[in-house]
Amino acid sequence: MDNLLLALNVVFPLMVMMVIGYILKKANYVDDHSLGVMNTLIFRVFMAILLFLNIYTVELNDTLSSDNTRLIILTAVCIIVFVLILSFILPRFVKNKQKCSAMIHGMFRANLLLFGIPITSSIYGEGSIGFVSILSAVLVPIFNLTAVVLLEVYRGGKVSVKKVAVGIITNPLIQAAVLAVIFLSFGIELPDLILSPLSSVSKITTPLAFIILGASLKFSSLSKNFKYLVTVVSGKLIIFPGIVISIALLLGYRDQAIVALLGAIASPSAVASFTMSKAMGSDGDLAGEIVVTTSIVSMVTLFLWVFALRSLHII
């Protein structure tokens, strides 16, 4: 019963925030334009501040232990291998290149920062989110680089190293992570006069992001891509997490490391996958539906993952 309550306490608050957002949209308190503006604000400002503070306040030497470093490498390698396997297998069954690229993109790109931090803090407390933040800082450029290469290849374009590099360098999350590491490395301390308001702003991020995510959900056209969505949901939220977590368990990882993995590989597709897919000639409609579907279904699968892992005394 305790394990069931824990799993419920982890997922239910996230679901409630999404429902609030959905109701606000239905009640016409927000429209598509305002959602787009707020999404940009969350990504470029609030999430950047949250990531900066989470890294800035960790004990870097403890967080980047040899075990954690190996886990970061394992996660990155598994994601890249997953993309390569999908790129080899999926085109044999999905002949439409736009749909195929949208499916692969949706299956490997996770909403780690948005889901990983609240899940970890719900189970282990606020002081446990340092590793998730470091993992986010490493995976964000990998997600971006892999996505650009994938989408360019599938639309028949030439991958521009310069554009990829500029995209990574100008990513506000990467900038925030690098800045935090610089501050830590050189022992630069922020005065409370600055740290306090930044901390207050960072606390807005998770609830506002989930409310906006809920308000962005649209169900009108899900049926036409149903078979593609079933494939993506199964691979994204069940099969791939099952494989990676099994590997991690065989290597001896437990507790916070496994919860961080859940955020990295079992969270729904990032909203950025829709934006990038649409901009780079992929199937934007399918990409948006993947974000919607995985966001909804993940409420169930994350609950089951947490419940199962807790019942087995793994977390």
Protein backbone atom coordinates (compact mmCIF):
# COMPACT_ATOMS: atom_id res chain seq x y z
CA MET A 1 0.00 0.00 0.00
CA ASP A 2 2.86 2.39 0.84
CA ASN A 3 4.42 1.76 -2.58
CA LEU A 4 1.11 2.50 -4.27
CA LEU A 5 0.73 5.76 -2.35
CA LEU A 6 4.29 6.79 -3.21
CA ALA A 7 3.73 6.18 -6.92
CA LEU A 8 0.47 8.11 -6.72
CA ASN A 9 2.13 11.01 -4.88
CA VAL A 10 4.79 11.21 -7.60
CA VAL A 11 2.47 11.27 -10.62
CA PHE A 12 -0.84 12.69 -9.38
CA PRO A 13 0.36 16.30 -8.77
CA LEU A 14 1.77 16.43 -12.31
CA MET A 15 -1.51 15.15 -13.72
CA VAL A 16 -3.53 17.70 -11.74
CA MET A 17 -1.41 20.57 -13.09
CA MET A 18 -1.95 19.33 -16.66
CA VAL A 19 -5.71 19.07 -16.07
CA ILE A 20 -5.76 22.65 -14.73
CA GLY A 21 -4.05 23.80 -17.93
CA TYR A 22 -6.51 21.90 -20.11
CA ILE A 23 -9.47 23.43 -18.25
CA LEU A 24 -7.99 26.93 -18.57
CA LYS A 25 -7.70 26.46 -22.34
CA LYS A 26 -11.25 25.13 -22.62
CA ALA A 27 -12.47 28.12 -20.60
CA ASN A 28 -10.65 30.45 -23.05
CA TYR A 29 -8.36 31.95 -20.42
CA VAL A 30 -5.45 31.25 -22.79
CA ASP A 31 -5.19 30.92 -26.57
CA ASP A 32 -2.63 29.41 -28.93
CA HIS A 33 -0.69 32.67 -29.23
CA SER A 34 -0.34 33.18 -25.48
CA LEU A 35 0.62 29.50 -25.05
CA GLY A 36 3.37 29.92 -27.63
CA VAL A 37 4.71 33.00 -25.85
CA MET A 38 4.62 31.27 -22.46
CA ASN A 39 6.27 28.14 -23.85
CA THR A 40 9.14 30.29 -25.13
CA LEU A 41 9.35 32.09 -21.79
CA ILE A 42 9.49 28.80 -19.86
CA PHE A 43 12.17 27.33 -22.10
CA ARG A 44 14.38 30.38 -22.47
CA VAL A 45 14.05 31.86 -18.99
CA PHE A 46 12.44 29.75 -16.28
CA MET A 47 13.98 26.38 -17.19
CA ALA A 48 17.37 27.99 -17.72
CA ILE A 49 17.22 29.55 -14.24
CA LEU A 50 16.05 26.26 -12.73
CA LEU A 51 18.87 24.30 -14.36
CA PHE A 52 21.47 26.90 -13.38
CA LEU A 53 20.44 26.86 -9.71
CA ASN A 54 20.19 23.07 -9.54
CA ILE A 55 23.75 22.70 -10.84
CA TYR A 56 25.08 25.74 -8.94
CA THR A 57 23.92 24.34 -5.59
CA VAL A 58 25.28 20.78 -5.96
CA GLU A 59 28.50 19.33 -4.68
CA LEU A 60 30.03 18.80 -8.11
CA ASN A 61 32.69 16.29 -7.01
CA ASP A 62 30.09 14.09 -5.30
CA THR A 63 27.56 14.41 -8.11
CA LEU A 64 30.12 13.58 -10.81
CA SER A 65 31.41 10.47 -9.07
CA SER A 66 32.85 7.72 -11.24
CA ASP A 67 29.59 5.73 -10.97
CA ASN A 68 27.46 8.71 -11.99
CA THR A 69 29.81 9.58 -14.84
CA ARG A 70 29.55 6.02 -16.16
CA LEU A 71 25.77 6.22 -15.91
CA ILE A 72 25.73 9.46 -17.92
CA ILE A 73 27.86 7.80 -20.61
CA LEU A 74 25.65 4.69 -20.55
CA THR A 75 22.50 6.79 -21.00
CA ALA A 76 23.98 8.79 -23.89
CA VAL A 77 25.25 5.66 -25.65
CA CYS A 78 21.89 3.88 -25.22
CA ILE A 79 20.03 6.84 -26.72
CA ILE A 80 22.33 7.03 -29.75
CA VAL A 81 22.19 3.24 -30.29
CA PHE A 82 18.39 3.38 -29.97
CA VAL A 83 18.23 6.03 -32.71
CA LEU A 84 20.50 3.97 -34.99
CA ILE A 85 18.41 0.82 -34.47
CA LEU A 86 15.18 2.72 -35.14
CA SER A 87 16.70 4.30 -38.26
CA PHE A 88 17.49 0.83 -39.55
CA ILE A 89 14.24 -0.94 -38.65
CA LEU A 90 11.44 1.64 -38.84
CA PRO A 91 11.83 2.65 -42.53
CA ARG A 92 11.12 -0.97 -43.47
CA PHE A 93 7.59 -0.58 -42.09
CA VAL A 94 6.93 3.16 -42.43
CA LYS A 95 7.61 4.22 -46.01
CA ASN A 96 6.69 7.87 -45.53
CA LYS A 97 9.96 9.61 -44.62
CA GLN A 98 8.28 12.52 -42.86
CA LYS A 99 6.28 10.25 -40.58
CA CYS A 100 9.28 8.00 -40.01
CA SER A 101 11.53 10.86 -38.90
CA ALA A 102 8.81 12.28 -36.63
CA MET A 103 8.39 8.88 -34.98
CA ILE A 104 12.11 8.35 -34.38
CA HIS A 105 12.46 11.92 -33.10
CA GLY A 106 9.51 11.48 -30.74
CA MET A 107 10.81 8.18 -29.41
CA PHE A 108 14.29 9.26 -28.36
CA ARG A 109 13.81 12.88 -27.25
CA ALA A 110 12.63 13.11 -23.64
CA ASN A 111 11.30 15.85 -21.40
CA LEU A 112 13.99 15.13 -18.80
CA LEU A 113 14.22 18.50 -17.08
CA LEU A 114 10.46 18.89 -16.81
CA PHE A 115 9.71 15.36 -15.56
CA GLY A 116 12.98 14.15 -14.03
CA ILE A 117 13.31 16.85 -11.38
CA PRO A 118 9.79 16.62 -9.86
CA ILE A 119 9.88 12.81 -9.89
CA THR A 120 13.27 12.69 -8.17
CA SER A 121 12.39 15.37 -5.62
CA SER A 122 9.06 13.64 -4.85
CA ILE A 123 10.86 10.42 -3.94
CA TYR A 124 14.15 11.61 -2.45
CA GLY A 125 13.62 15.30 -1.60
CA GLU A 126 14.86 18.59 -3.05
CA GLY A 127 18.48 17.86 -2.18
CA SER A 128 18.60 14.89 -4.54
CA ILE A 129 18.09 16.62 -7.89
CA GLY A 130 21.72 17.54 -8.58
CA PHE A 131 22.47 14.47 -10.67
CA VAL A 132 19.28 14.87 -12.74
CA SER A 133 20.34 18.45 -13.50
CA ILE A 134 23.82 17.36 -14.58
CA LEU A 135 22.30 14.58 -16.69
CA SER A 136 20.01 17.16 -18.33
CA ALA A 137 22.96 19.40 -19.12
CA VAL A 138 24.71 16.52 -20.90
CA LEU A 139 21.69 15.11 -22.73
CA VAL A 140 20.24 18.39 -24.03
CA PRO A 141 23.05 18.94 -26.60
CA ILE A 142 22.96 15.23 -27.51
CA PHE A 143 19.20 15.46 -28.13
CA ASN A 144 19.65 18.60 -30.24
CA LEU A 145 22.58 17.30 -32.26
CA THR A 146 20.95 13.93 -32.93
CA ALA A 147 17.64 15.55 -33.86
CA VAL A 148 19.22 17.95 -36.37
CA VAL A 149 21.22 15.16 -38.06
CA LEU A 150 18.21 12.82 -38.13
CA LEU A 151 15.75 15.34 -39.58
CA GLU A 152 18.23 16.65 -42.17
CA VAL A 153 19.05 13.13 -43.37
CA TYR A 154 15.37 12.20 -43.70
CA ARG A 155 14.47 15.30 -45.69
CA GLY A 156 17.47 14.75 -47.96
CA GLY A 157 19.39 17.80 -46.84
CA LYS A 158 23.03 18.29 -45.96
CA VAL A 159 23.87 18.55 -42.29
CA SER A 160 25.43 21.93 -41.53
CA VAL A 161 28.02 21.57 -38.79
CA LYS A 162 28.01 25.33 -38.33
CA LYS A 163 24.23 25.49 -37.82
CA VAL A 164 24.31 22.57 -35.39
CA ALA A 165 27.13 24.20 -33.41
CA VAL A 166 25.36 27.56 -33.32
CA GLY A 167 22.11 25.88 -32.24
CA ILE A 168 23.85 24.15 -29.35
CA ILE A 169 25.85 27.20 -28.27
CA THR A 170 22.78 29.47 -28.29
CA ASN A 171 20.58 26.98 -26.44
CA PRO A 172 19.65 28.72 -23.15
CA LEU A 173 19.78 25.45 -21.19
CA ILE A 174 23.33 24.76 -22.38
CA GLN A 175 24.32 28.33 -21.58
CA ALA A 176 22.81 28.05 -18.09
CA ALA A 177 24.56 24.74 -17.42
CA VAL A 178 27.95 26.01 -18.60
CA LEU A 179 27.58 29.19 -16.56
CA ALA A 180 26.72 27.18 -13.44
CA VAL A 181 29.76 24.93 -13.89
CA ILE A 182 31.99 28.01 -14.33
CA PHE A 183 30.61 29.53 -11.13
CA LEU A 184 31.20 26.25 -9.28
CA SER A 185 34.68 25.71 -10.68
CA PHE A 186 35.90 29.21 -9.78
CA GLY A 187 34.05 29.38 -6.47
CA ILE A 188 31.96 32.39 -7.53
CA GLU A 189 29.23 32.94 -4.93
CA LEU A 190 26.04 34.77 -5.76
CA PRO A 191 24.85 37.19 -3.06
CA ASP A 192 21.49 36.45 -1.44
CA LEU A 193 20.20 39.64 -3.02
CA ILE A 194 20.40 37.84 -6.41
CA LEU A 195 20.08 34.21 -5.33
CA SER A 196 16.80 34.71 -3.46
CA PRO A 197 14.75 36.15 -6.37
CA LEU A 198 16.27 33.61 -8.77
CA SER A 199 15.21 30.83 -6.41
CA SER A 200 11.68 32.26 -6.26
CA VAL A 201 11.47 32.42 -10.05
CA SER A 202 12.75 28.85 -10.43
CA LYS A 203 9.90 27.55 -8.27
CA ILE A 204 7.43 28.79 -10.88
CA THR A 205 8.93 26.58 -13.58
CA THR A 206 7.50 23.13 -12.90
CA PRO A 207 3.87 24.06 -12.13
CA LEU A 208 3.68 26.62 -14.94
CA ALA A 209 5.30 24.27 -17.46
CA PHE A 210 2.83 21.48 -16.67
CA ILE A 211 -0.12 23.87 -16.80
CA ILE A 212 1.01 25.10 -20.23
CA LEU A 213 1.59 21.50 -21.35
CA GLY A 214 -1.96 20.61 -20.31
CA ALA A 215 -3.36 23.66 -22.07
CA SER A 216 -1.50 22.66 -25.25
CA LEU A 217 -3.09 19.20 -25.47
CA LYS A 218 -5.26 18.68 -28.54
CA PHE A 219 -7.15 15.46 -29.27
CA SER A 220 -8.99 16.26 -32.48
CA SER A 221 -6.78 14.41 -35.00
CA LEU A 222 -5.28 11.55 -33.01
CA SER A 223 -7.29 8.80 -34.71
CA LYS A 224 -5.76 9.12 -38.20
CA ASN A 225 -2.26 8.34 -36.91
CA PHE A 226 -3.35 5.81 -34.31
CA LYS A 227 -1.08 2.95 -35.45
CA TYR A 228 1.97 5.21 -35.51
CA LEU A 229 1.16 6.59 -32.07
CA VAL A 230 0.80 3.10 -30.58
CA THR A 231 4.25 2.21 -31.91
CA VAL A 232 5.84 5.38 -30.52
CA VAL A 233 4.17 5.10 -27.11
CA SER A 234 5.19 1.45 -26.75
CA GLY A 235 8.79 2.10 -27.73
CA LYS A 236 9.15 5.41 -25.88
CA LEU A 237 7.50 4.64 -22.58
CA ILE A 238 7.77 0.86 -22.16
CA ILE A 239 10.25 -1.03 -24.36
CA PHE A 240 13.25 1.33 -24.38
CA PRO A 241 13.02 2.19 -20.65
CA GLY A 242 12.72 -1.52 -19.86
CA ILE A 243 15.90 -2.32 -21.77
CA VAL A 244 18.00 0.55 -20.37
CA ILE A 245 16.84 0.09 -16.78
CA SER A 246 17.58 -3.64 -17.03
CA ILE A 247 21.13 -2.86 -18.22
CA ALA A 248 21.58 -0.36 -15.39
CA LEU A 249 20.36 -2.87 -12.83
CA LEU A 250 22.76 -5.51 -14.13
CA LEU A 251 25.57 -2.97 -13.70
CA GLY A 252 24.54 -2.47 -10.07
CA TYR A 253 22.74 0.88 -10.19
CA ARG A 254 19.92 1.52 -7.74
CA ASP A 255 17.94 4.30 -6.02
CA GLN A 256 18.48 7.85 -7.33
CA ALA A 257 20.41 6.67 -10.38
CA ILE A 258 17.43 4.59 -11.56
CA VAL A 259 15.00 7.44 -10.90
CA ALA A 260 17.22 9.77 -12.96
CA LEU A 261 17.12 7.19 -15.75
CA LEU A 262 13.32 7.19 -15.58
CA GLY A 263 13.35 10.93 -16.24
CA ALA A 264 15.84 10.55 -19.09
CA ILE A 265 14.23 7.69 -21.00
CA ALA A 266 10.69 7.07 -19.70
CA SER A 267 9.37 10.64 -19.75
CA PRO A 268 7.21 11.82 -22.67
CA SER A 269 8.49 13.41 -25.84
CA ALA A 270 9.73 16.97 -25.43
CA VAL A 271 7.60 19.79 -26.83
CA ALA A 272 10.73 20.89 -28.72
CA SER A 273 10.43 17.77 -30.88
CA PHE A 274 7.19 19.17 -32.35
CA THR A 275 8.69 22.62 -33.01
CA MET A 276 11.86 21.25 -34.61
CA SER A 277 10.02 18.61 -36.67
CA LYS A 278 7.70 21.22 -38.12
CA ALA A 279 10.57 23.57 -38.94
CA MET A 280 12.71 20.89 -40.61
CA GLY A 281 10.28 19.28 -43.01
CA SER A 282 9.15 16.36 -40.90
CA ASP A 283 5.50 15.51 -40.18
CA GLY A 284 4.64 18.32 -37.77
CA ASP A 285 1.10 17.10 -37.14
CA LEU A 286 2.29 13.62 -36.15
CA ALA A 287 5.08 15.11 -34.01
CA GLY A 288 2.52 17.21 -32.12
CA GLU A 289 0.28 14.18 -31.62
CA ILE A 290 3.26 12.22 -30.29
CA VAL A 291 3.87 14.93 -27.67
CA VAL A 292 0.20 14.87 -26.67
CA THR A 293 -0.12 11.08 -26.56
CA THR A 294 3.11 10.36 -24.72
CA SER A 295 2.35 13.15 -22.23
CA ILE A 296 -1.00 11.60 -21.37
CA VAL A 297 0.03 7.94 -21.37
CA SER A 298 3.20 8.70 -19.38
CA MET A 299 1.01 9.55 -16.39
CA VAL A 300 0.06 5.87 -16.32
CA THR A 301 3.41 4.35 -17.32
CA LEU A 302 5.46 6.50 -14.92
CA PHE A 303 3.08 5.54 -12.13
CA LEU A 304 3.55 1.85 -13.00
CA TRP A 305 7.35 2.22 -13.29
CA VAL A 306 7.63 3.91 -9.90
CA PHE A 307 5.27 1.40 -8.29
CA ALA A 308 7.07 -1.62 -9.76
CA LEU A 309 10.58 -0.38 -8.95
CA ARG A 310 9.55 0.59 -5.42
CA SER A 311 7.87 -2.76 -4.85
CA LEU A 312 11.08 -4.51 -5.92
CA HIS A 313 13.07 -2.28 -3.50
CA ILE A 314 15.11 -0.86 -6.40
CA ILE A 315 14.23 2.76 -5.58
